[in-house]
Protein backbone atom coordinates (compact mmCIF):
# COMPACT_ATOMS: atom_id res chain seq x y z
CA MET A 1 -9.67 -15.20 11.97
CA LEU A 2 -13.03 -14.82 13.75
CA GLN A 3 -11.86 -17.10 16.56
CA THR A 4 -8.74 -14.94 17.00
CA ILE A 5 -10.85 -11.78 17.21
CA ARG A 6 -13.18 -13.38 19.78
CA ASN A 7 -10.26 -14.53 21.93
CA ALA A 8 -8.63 -11.10 21.69
CA TRP A 9 -11.87 -9.35 22.70
CA LYS A 10 -11.96 -11.38 25.95
CA VAL A 11 -8.63 -9.88 27.07
CA GLU A 12 -9.19 -6.44 28.59
CA GLU A 13 -5.84 -4.99 27.53
CA ILE A 14 -6.25 -6.05 23.91
CA ARG A 15 -9.92 -5.00 23.92
CA LYS A 16 -8.87 -1.46 24.88
CA LYS A 17 -6.43 -1.40 21.96
CA ILE A 18 -9.13 -2.57 19.54
CA VAL A 19 -11.59 0.05 20.82
CA PHE A 20 -8.91 2.75 20.53
CA THR A 21 -8.17 1.73 16.93
CA LEU A 22 -11.87 1.80 16.04
CA PHE A 23 -12.27 5.22 17.69
CA VAL A 24 -9.40 6.68 15.65
CA LEU A 25 -10.88 5.20 12.47
CA LEU A 26 -14.24 6.78 13.36
CA LEU A 27 -12.55 10.19 13.67
CA TYR A 28 -10.86 9.58 10.32
CA ARG A 29 -14.16 8.78 8.61
CA LEU A 30 -15.79 11.86 10.17
CA GLY A 31 -12.96 14.01 8.83
CA ASN A 32 -13.59 12.58 5.36
CA ALA A 33 -17.09 14.10 5.51
CA VAL A 34 -15.95 17.66 6.33
CA PRO A 35 -15.46 19.66 3.09
CA VAL A 36 -12.87 22.38 2.64
CA PRO A 37 -14.44 25.85 2.08
CA PHE A 38 -14.44 27.80 -1.20
CA ILE A 39 -14.79 24.65 -3.40
CA ASN A 40 -17.69 23.58 -5.62
CA THR A 41 -17.84 19.92 -4.61
CA SER A 42 -20.54 18.94 -7.14
CA GLU A 43 -18.47 20.21 -10.08
CA LEU A 44 -15.40 18.52 -8.61
CA ALA A 45 -17.21 15.15 -8.40
CA LEU A 46 -18.24 15.42 -12.07
CA TYR A 47 -14.67 16.22 -13.06
CA PHE A 48 -13.28 13.20 -11.19
CA THR A 49 -15.81 10.95 -12.90
CA SER A 50 -14.07 11.72 -16.19
CA MET A 51 -10.61 11.27 -14.60
CA SER A 52 -11.16 7.80 -13.13
CA ASN A 53 -8.60 6.22 -15.50
CA THR A 54 -5.79 8.61 -14.57
CA ILE A 55 -3.47 8.91 -11.58
CA LEU A 56 -6.08 11.13 -9.91
CA GLY A 57 -8.46 8.18 -9.94
CA LEU A 58 -5.83 6.13 -8.08
CA TYR A 59 -5.50 8.86 -5.43
CA ASN A 60 -9.28 8.96 -5.11
CA VAL A 61 -9.44 5.21 -4.45
CA MET A 62 -6.67 5.37 -1.85
CA SER A 63 -8.42 8.25 -0.04
CA GLY A 64 -11.82 6.56 0.13
CA SER A 65 -13.38 9.06 -2.35
CA ALA A 66 -12.34 11.99 -0.13
CA PHE A 67 -10.07 13.30 -2.90
CA SER A 68 -13.03 13.81 -5.25
CA GLN A 69 -15.01 15.55 -2.50
CA ALA A 70 -12.22 17.94 -1.38
CA THR A 71 -12.57 17.17 2.33
CA ILE A 72 -9.96 18.10 4.93
CA PHE A 73 -8.57 14.55 4.64
CA ALA A 74 -8.52 14.64 0.82
CA LEU A 75 -4.77 13.96 0.62
CA SER A 76 -5.29 11.00 2.98
CA ILE A 77 -2.22 8.99 4.03
CA GLN A 78 -0.52 9.35 0.62
CA PRO A 79 1.97 12.12 1.62
CA TYR A 80 3.09 10.02 4.59
CA ILE A 81 3.48 6.90 2.43
CA ASN A 82 5.40 8.84 -0.23
CA ALA A 83 7.67 10.41 2.38
CA SER A 84 8.35 7.02 4.00
CA ILE A 85 9.25 5.46 0.64
CA ILE A 86 11.49 8.37 -0.33
CA ILE A 87 13.36 8.33 3.00
CA GLN A 88 13.71 4.55 2.77
CA LEU A 89 15.27 4.85 -0.68
CA LEU A 90 17.53 7.70 0.47
CA CYS A 91 18.75 5.55 3.37
CA VAL A 92 20.13 3.18 0.73
CA ALA A 93 21.55 5.91 -1.52
CA ILE A 94 23.03 8.27 1.14
CA PRO A 95 25.68 6.69 3.41
CA ALA A 96 25.01 9.11 6.28
CA LEU A 97 21.33 8.17 6.45
CA GLU A 98 22.22 4.49 6.09
CA ARG A 99 24.57 4.68 9.09
CA LEU A 100 21.91 6.59 11.03
CA SER A 101 19.26 3.94 10.37
CA LYS A 102 21.48 0.88 10.97
CA GLU A 103 23.96 2.03 13.61
CA GLY A 104 22.15 4.92 15.28
CA GLY A 105 20.06 2.74 17.54
CA GLU A 106 16.89 4.17 19.07
CA GLU A 107 18.05 7.77 18.60
CA GLY A 108 18.76 7.11 14.94
CA LYS A 109 15.26 5.72 14.43
CA LYS A 110 13.79 8.80 16.11
CA LYS A 111 15.76 11.10 13.80
CA ILE A 112 14.65 9.13 10.72
CA ALA A 113 11.04 9.36 11.93
CA SER A 114 11.43 13.11 12.47
CA ILE A 115 12.84 13.57 8.95
CA THR A 116 9.92 11.54 7.57
CA ARG A 117 7.40 13.79 9.36
CA TYR A 118 8.93 16.99 8.00
CA SER A 119 9.06 15.42 4.54
CA THR A 120 5.38 14.51 4.85
CA VAL A 121 4.45 18.13 5.53
CA GLY A 122 6.55 19.29 2.57
CA ILE A 123 4.98 16.76 0.19
CA ALA A 124 1.49 17.61 1.48
CA LEU A 125 2.21 21.30 0.84
CA LEU A 126 3.22 20.59 -2.77
CA GLN A 127 0.24 18.30 -3.38
CA GLY A 128 -2.17 20.77 -1.75
CA PHE A 129 -0.89 23.60 -3.96
CA ALA A 130 -1.14 21.42 -7.08
CA TYR A 131 -4.67 20.38 -6.10
CA TYR A 132 -5.68 24.03 -5.64
CA MET A 133 -4.21 25.04 -9.01
CA LEU A 134 -6.07 22.15 -10.67
CA MET A 135 -9.39 23.36 -9.26
CA LYS A 136 -8.60 26.97 -10.09
CA ASN A 137 -7.70 26.21 -13.71
CA ARG A 138 -10.85 24.09 -14.13
CA ASN A 139 -13.10 26.77 -12.57
CA ILE A 140 -14.15 24.40 -9.80
CA LEU A 141 -13.73 26.97 -7.02
CA ALA A 142 -16.91 28.35 -5.46
CA GLU A 143 -17.83 32.01 -5.40
CA GLY A 144 -15.26 33.96 -3.40
CA GLY A 145 -12.62 31.26 -3.87
CA GLU A 146 -10.28 33.46 -5.90
CA GLY A 147 -7.53 35.40 -4.19
CA PHE A 148 -4.63 34.84 -1.82
CA TRP A 149 -6.48 34.24 1.44
CA PRO A 150 -8.96 31.65 0.12
CA ALA A 151 -6.03 29.86 -1.55
CA LEU A 152 -4.13 29.88 1.75
CA VAL A 153 -7.14 28.47 3.62
CA ILE A 154 -7.65 25.68 1.06
CA ILE A 155 -3.98 24.63 0.90
CA MET A 156 -3.41 24.82 4.66
CA SER A 157 -6.59 22.80 5.27
CA PHE A 158 -5.24 20.01 3.08
CA VAL A 159 -1.81 20.15 4.76
CA ALA A 160 -3.29 20.17 8.27
CA GLY A 161 -5.54 17.23 7.40
CA SER A 162 -2.59 15.24 6.09
CA ALA A 163 -0.53 16.01 9.21
CA LEU A 164 -3.46 14.98 11.43
CA ILE A 165 -3.80 11.66 9.58
CA MET A 166 -0.06 11.08 10.03
CA TRP A 167 -0.49 11.64 13.78
CA MET A 168 -3.49 9.28 13.85
CA ALA A 169 -1.49 6.57 12.09
CA GLU A 170 1.34 6.89 14.62
CA GLN A 171 -1.13 6.71 17.51
CA ILE A 172 -2.65 3.51 16.12
CA THR A 173 0.81 1.99 15.73
CA GLU A 174 1.76 2.88 19.31
CA PHE A 175 -1.48 2.37 21.25
CA GLY A 176 -3.69 0.33 18.90
CA ILE A 177 -3.54 -2.88 16.90
CA GLY A 178 -1.41 -3.23 13.77
CA ASN A 179 0.38 -0.71 11.59
CA GLY A 180 -1.37 2.67 11.55
CA ILE A 181 -0.63 3.46 7.89
CA SER A 182 -1.99 0.11 6.75
CA ILE A 183 -5.11 0.34 8.94
CA ILE A 184 -6.05 3.80 7.63
CA LEU A 185 -5.41 2.74 4.04
CA PHE A 186 -7.54 -0.35 4.68
CA ALA A 187 -10.40 1.79 6.02
CA SER A 188 -10.22 4.12 3.01
CA ILE A 189 -10.53 1.29 0.49
CA VAL A 190 -13.21 -0.65 2.39
CA SER A 191 -15.32 2.51 2.77
CA ARG A 192 -15.96 2.45 -0.98
CA GLY A 193 -17.47 -1.04 -0.74
CA PRO A 194 -21.09 -0.08 0.16
CA ASN A 195 -21.35 2.35 -2.77
CA ALA A 196 -19.96 -0.26 -5.17
CA LEU A 197 -22.41 -2.84 -3.80
CA MET A 198 -25.37 -0.48 -4.24
CA SER A 199 -24.25 0.24 -7.81
CA MET A 200 -24.20 -3.48 -8.57
CA ILE A 201 -27.64 -4.04 -7.04
CA SER A 202 -29.07 -1.17 -9.09
CA ALA A 203 -27.46 -2.53 -12.25
CA ILE A 204 -28.87 -6.02 -11.63
CA GLN A 205 -32.34 -4.57 -11.07
CA GLU A 206 -32.13 -2.65 -14.34
CA ASN A 207 -30.83 -5.66 -16.29
CA PRO A 208 -31.83 -8.91 -14.49
CA SER A 209 -30.71 -11.12 -17.38
CA LYS A 210 -27.06 -10.29 -16.60
CA TRP A 211 -27.09 -11.81 -13.11
CA TRP A 212 -24.61 -14.47 -14.19
CA VAL A 213 -21.98 -11.77 -14.84
CA PHE A 214 -22.21 -10.77 -11.19
CA VAL A 215 -21.82 -14.42 -10.10
CA LEU A 216 -18.72 -14.88 -12.28
CA LEU A 217 -17.18 -11.65 -10.98
CA LEU A 218 -17.84 -12.72 -7.40
CA ILE A 219 -16.23 -16.13 -7.98
CA GLY A 220 -13.25 -14.46 -9.67
CA ALA A 221 -12.82 -12.04 -6.75
CA LEU A 222 -12.92 -14.90 -4.22
CA ALA A 223 -10.38 -16.90 -6.25
CA MET A 224 -8.11 -13.85 -6.36
CA ILE A 225 -8.39 -13.43 -2.58
CA VAL A 226 -7.41 -17.08 -2.06
CA LEU A 227 -4.40 -16.61 -4.37
CA ILE A 228 -3.31 -13.49 -2.49
CA VAL A 229 -3.59 -15.24 0.89
CA VAL A 230 -1.56 -18.24 -0.31
CA VAL A 231 1.21 -16.16 -1.91
CA THR A 232 1.36 -13.68 0.99
CA ASN A 233 2.02 -16.50 3.45
CA SER A 234 4.47 -18.31 1.13
CA GLU A 235 8.22 -18.20 1.59
CA ARG A 236 11.34 -19.96 0.33
CA ARG A 237 13.35 -21.41 3.19
CA ILE A 238 17.08 -21.81 2.59
CA PRO A 239 18.63 -24.29 5.08
CA VAL A 240 21.42 -22.86 7.24
CA GLN A 241 23.79 -24.86 9.44
CA TYR A 242 25.84 -23.29 12.25
CA ALA A 243 29.19 -24.82 13.15
CA LYS A 244 29.97 -25.94 16.69
CA ARG A 245 32.19 -23.74 18.83
CA VAL A 246 33.93 -24.76 22.03
CA VAL A 247 34.22 -21.95 24.58
CA GLY A 248 35.81 -23.20 27.79
CA ARG A 249 33.93 -26.34 28.74
CA LYS A 250 30.76 -25.46 26.81
CA VAL A 251 29.85 -26.18 23.21
CA TYR A 252 27.89 -23.52 21.32
CA GLY A 253 26.17 -23.73 17.93
CA GLY A 254 25.66 -26.79 15.82
CA GLN A 255 21.94 -26.18 15.31
CA SER A 256 20.13 -26.16 11.99
CA THR A 257 17.82 -23.35 10.97
CA HIS A 258 16.65 -21.68 7.77
CA LEU A 259 16.80 -18.33 6.00
CA PRO A 260 13.23 -17.30 5.00
CA ILE A 261 12.70 -15.32 1.78
CA GLN A 262 9.16 -14.14 1.15
CA VAL A 263 7.73 -14.81 -2.30
CA ASN A 264 6.25 -11.30 -2.43
CA MET A 265 8.60 -9.27 -0.28
CA SER A 266 7.81 -5.97 -2.05
CA GLY A 267 4.09 -6.07 -1.22
CA VAL A 268 1.87 -3.79 -3.27
CA LEU A 269 4.49 -1.08 -3.91
CA PRO A 270 5.43 -2.26 -7.46
CA ILE A 271 1.77 -2.01 -8.49
CA ILE A 272 1.41 1.48 -7.01
CA PHE A 273 4.59 2.73 -8.71
CA ALA A 274 3.71 1.08 -12.02
CA GLN A 275 0.15 2.39 -12.00
CA SER A 276 1.33 5.91 -11.22
CA ILE A 277 3.85 5.96 -14.08
CA ALA A 278 1.62 4.16 -16.60
CA SER A 279 -1.16 6.69 -15.93
CA VAL A 280 1.06 9.72 -16.56
CA PRO A 281 0.34 10.02 -20.35
CA ALA A 282 -3.43 9.88 -19.86
CA THR A 283 -3.19 12.31 -16.93
CA ILE A 284 -1.20 14.86 -18.96
CA CYS A 285 -3.68 14.60 -21.85
CA ALA A 286 -6.59 15.05 -19.45
CA PHE A 287 -5.09 18.32 -18.18
CA VAL A 288 -4.73 19.74 -21.71
CA PRO A 289 -8.17 20.32 -23.34
CA ASN A 290 -6.87 19.96 -26.91
CA TRP A 291 -5.28 16.57 -26.15
CA GLN A 292 -8.31 14.84 -24.57
CA ASP A 293 -9.18 13.13 -27.86
CA SER A 294 -5.61 12.63 -29.04
CA TRP A 295 -3.85 9.43 -30.12
CA VAL A 296 -2.04 9.21 -26.77
CA MET A 297 -5.30 9.42 -24.81
CA ARG A 298 -6.96 6.73 -26.93
CA ASN A 299 -4.02 4.30 -26.70
CA PHE A 300 -2.87 4.87 -23.12
CA ASP A 301 -6.21 4.73 -21.39
CA SER A 302 -6.45 2.01 -18.72
CA SER A 303 -8.82 0.02 -20.95
CA THR A 304 -6.35 -0.36 -23.85
CA VAL A 305 -3.85 -3.08 -24.75
CA PRO A 306 -0.74 -0.78 -24.85
CA TYR A 307 -1.50 0.40 -21.32
CA CYS A 308 -1.77 -3.21 -20.08
CA ILE A 309 1.57 -4.13 -21.70
CA ILE A 310 3.38 -1.12 -20.22
CA TYR A 311 1.70 -1.73 -16.87
CA PHE A 312 2.83 -5.38 -16.87
CA LEU A 313 6.47 -4.52 -17.71
CA LEU A 314 6.62 -1.76 -15.09
CA ILE A 315 5.34 -4.11 -12.38
CA VAL A 316 8.08 -6.63 -13.21
CA PHE A 317 10.74 -3.88 -13.24
CA PHE A 318 9.73 -2.37 -9.89
CA SER A 319 9.47 -5.83 -8.30
CA TYR A 320 13.13 -6.48 -9.11
CA PHE A 321 14.09 -2.91 -8.16
CA TYR A 322 12.46 -3.05 -4.74
CA SER A 323 13.70 -6.57 -3.92
CA THR A 324 17.26 -5.45 -4.77
CA ILE A 325 16.97 -2.55 -2.35
CA GLN A 326 15.32 -4.55 0.40
CA PHE A 327 17.46 -7.72 0.33
CA ASN A 328 21.25 -7.66 -0.09
CA PRO A 329 22.67 -11.20 -0.69
CA ILE A 330 26.27 -10.09 -0.07
CA GLU A 331 25.37 -8.61 3.31
CA VAL A 332 23.40 -11.73 4.28
CA ALA A 333 26.30 -14.00 3.24
CA ASN A 334 28.78 -11.92 5.27
CA ASN A 335 26.53 -12.04 8.34
CA LEU A 336 26.26 -15.81 8.07
CA LYS A 337 30.04 -16.09 7.78
CA LYS A 338 30.63 -13.88 10.82
CA ASN A 339 28.23 -15.94 12.95
CA GLY A 340 29.67 -19.25 11.86
CA GLY A 341 26.74 -20.19 9.64
CA TYR A 342 26.80 -21.71 6.17
CA ILE A 343 24.45 -23.13 3.58
CA PRO A 344 25.08 -26.87 3.10
CA GLY A 345 26.83 -27.50 -0.21
CA PHE A 346 28.18 -23.95 -0.60
CA ARG A 347 31.34 -22.38 0.78
CA PRO A 348 30.94 -19.25 2.93
CA GLY A 349 31.47 -15.92 1.19
CA LYS A 350 31.02 -15.36 -2.53
CA PRO A 351 29.57 -18.82 -3.42
CA THR A 352 26.92 -18.34 -0.74
CA SER A 353 25.98 -14.84 -1.96
CA GLU A 354 25.78 -16.09 -5.55
CA PHE A 355 23.47 -18.92 -4.53
CA ILE A 356 21.23 -16.54 -2.55
CA SER A 357 21.18 -14.19 -5.55
CA ARG A 358 20.01 -16.98 -7.86
CA VAL A 359 17.28 -18.01 -5.43
CA LEU A 360 16.25 -14.37 -4.99
CA ASN A 361 15.98 -13.83 -8.75
CA LYS A 362 13.72 -16.89 -9.14
CA ILE A 363 11.54 -15.88 -6.19
CA THR A 364 11.30 -12.28 -7.43
CA LEU A 365 10.29 -13.45 -10.90
CA PHE A 366 7.49 -15.54 -9.46
CA GLY A 367 6.37 -12.69 -7.20
CA ALA A 368 6.46 -10.22 -10.10
CA MET A 369 4.34 -12.54 -12.27
CA TYR A 370 1.88 -12.92 -9.42
CA LEU A 371 1.55 -9.16 -8.92
CA ALA A 372 1.22 -8.56 -12.65
CA ILE A 373 -1.51 -11.19 -13.00
CA VAL A 374 -3.48 -9.82 -10.04
CA ALA A 375 -3.22 -6.28 -11.44
CA ILE A 376 -3.87 -7.08 -15.11
CA VAL A 377 -6.74 -9.58 -14.82
CA PRO A 378 -9.33 -6.99 -13.65
CA LEU A 379 -8.37 -4.74 -16.58
CA ILE A 380 -8.71 -7.61 -19.05
CA VAL A 381 -12.13 -8.51 -17.58
CA GLY A 382 -13.25 -4.91 -18.05
CA MET A 383 -11.97 -4.87 -21.64
CA CYS A 384 -13.65 -8.18 -22.56
CA SER A 385 -16.92 -7.53 -20.73
CA PRO A 386 -18.33 -3.99 -21.06
CA THR A 387 -21.22 -5.06 -18.83
CA ALA A 388 -18.86 -5.77 -15.94
CA ALA A 389 -17.00 -2.50 -16.51
CA ASN A 390 -20.21 -0.46 -16.53
CA TRP A 391 -21.50 -1.98 -13.32
CA GLY A 392 -18.92 -0.18 -11.23
CA PHE A 393 -17.79 -3.48 -9.68
CA SER A 394 -14.18 -2.57 -9.06
CA ILE A 395 -12.01 -5.62 -8.29
CA GLY A 396 -8.78 -3.71 -8.72
CA GLY A 397 -5.77 -5.82 -7.85
CA THR A 398 -4.18 -3.00 -5.83
CA SER A 399 -7.21 -2.65 -3.58
CA ILE A 400 -7.63 -6.38 -3.00
CA ILE A 401 -3.92 -6.92 -2.20
CA ILE A 402 -3.97 -4.05 0.31
CA VAL A 403 -7.20 -5.16 1.98
CA VAL A 404 -6.22 -8.84 2.25
CA GLY A 405 -2.64 -8.02 3.27
CA VAL A 406 -3.72 -5.63 6.04
CA ALA A 407 -6.31 -8.13 7.30
CA LEU A 408 -3.67 -10.88 7.54
CA GLU A 409 -1.19 -8.49 9.17
CA THR A 410 -3.76 -7.37 11.77
CA VAL A 411 -4.72 -10.96 12.63
CA LYS A 412 -1.03 -11.82 13.11
CA ALA A 413 -0.67 -8.79 15.41
CA LEU A 414 -3.64 -9.98 17.48
CA GLU A 415 -2.20 -13.50 17.64
CA SER A 416 1.16 -12.17 18.83
CA GLN A 417 -0.59 -10.11 21.52
CA LEU A 418 -2.50 -13.19 22.67
CA LEU A 419 0.70 -15.26 22.69
CA MET A 420 2.51 -12.67 24.79
CA ARG A 421 -0.42 -12.60 27.20
CA HIS A 422 -0.39 -16.41 27.37
CA TYR A 423 3.29 -16.57 28.29
CA LYS A 424 2.87 -13.73 30.76
CA GLY A 425 0.22 -15.75 32.56
CA PHE A 426 2.61 -18.71 32.89
CA LEU A 427 5.35 -16.49 34.27
CA GLU A 428 3.04 -15.01 36.85
């Protein structure tokens, strides 16, 4: 990885892209330090400390703690991600959008992107209004924060910040290195690292006899990173043979290739969906003062066994759900048949699609178990070791998968840029 970065930095064109990406990230981090007016940020930080085990805590992690500080970038990239996921699902459910995305060409992609942008603004407007009502009901607004105009300023600041982040992500994708959404999400999660490290150092200084807990946590985190790297780069290759075709005096086809199926094709989305739904009971109880010490709150907190079981089952469910949407065995089998390809040992058509479905189910099961283990293990460690939980050493599976995945994706983007530059030099 370091060698790839050094080689990329030597190329002027790629160096400009890296500098541009870093400049946009610097603007993003500066925006995370600009608070929205009419909000008591100290009271808001105290409130989010008690809500760390709810869905609001998840939003706070994904925003790099900007959500708990009510900055202009408090909503972060979440509205854009939600809008992209919703439009992607609608493209499967609505035939008109499906035709637009598959058969519309470049114009169709532009229309889908435009719909996603408008949807992002709408989602940001709803989330900004909900955020304002939360602060108003909890008396977190500063003096002069009541009334229509202060509410309009607060909500529009959140919406404008979300739209600006969306624009930044698109600029990184077009003129920088890697996917803009992933890079900004990566920066948000990594920005919490120094504070977590300082918390650990302070905890070790206060209780030096527990240094071995830190060592075990560090070893566990490194082992989890290795597992994520291995599974992310793993794929099941189904052999495909293309029949020979004689056109005039030339013979086409006859080559052997493979159909790659990623072990974890759904990425981190099943964990995000599962965590959001599993946190709903605790979030609802946290909003209602009389329910904060109820049976639901005690049994559906993130440090309880029922929560872990529900979380595990939801991850498995969403892994199968997303893989079904993303990969259609019947469509793949039909495409192979049209192009004269077949899987050795299986007839084209239905037998091929059934075989691909069986392979997909096995791969999805393995990927779902992998995601569930990565997500559940940190929770189990926190339940079994109160010392580790109190240190603030967050090794959340969601954060680690996102950080490692984006790092691998960015390195691959740099390698592809270097490869293109290499071939261009030969052609010149």
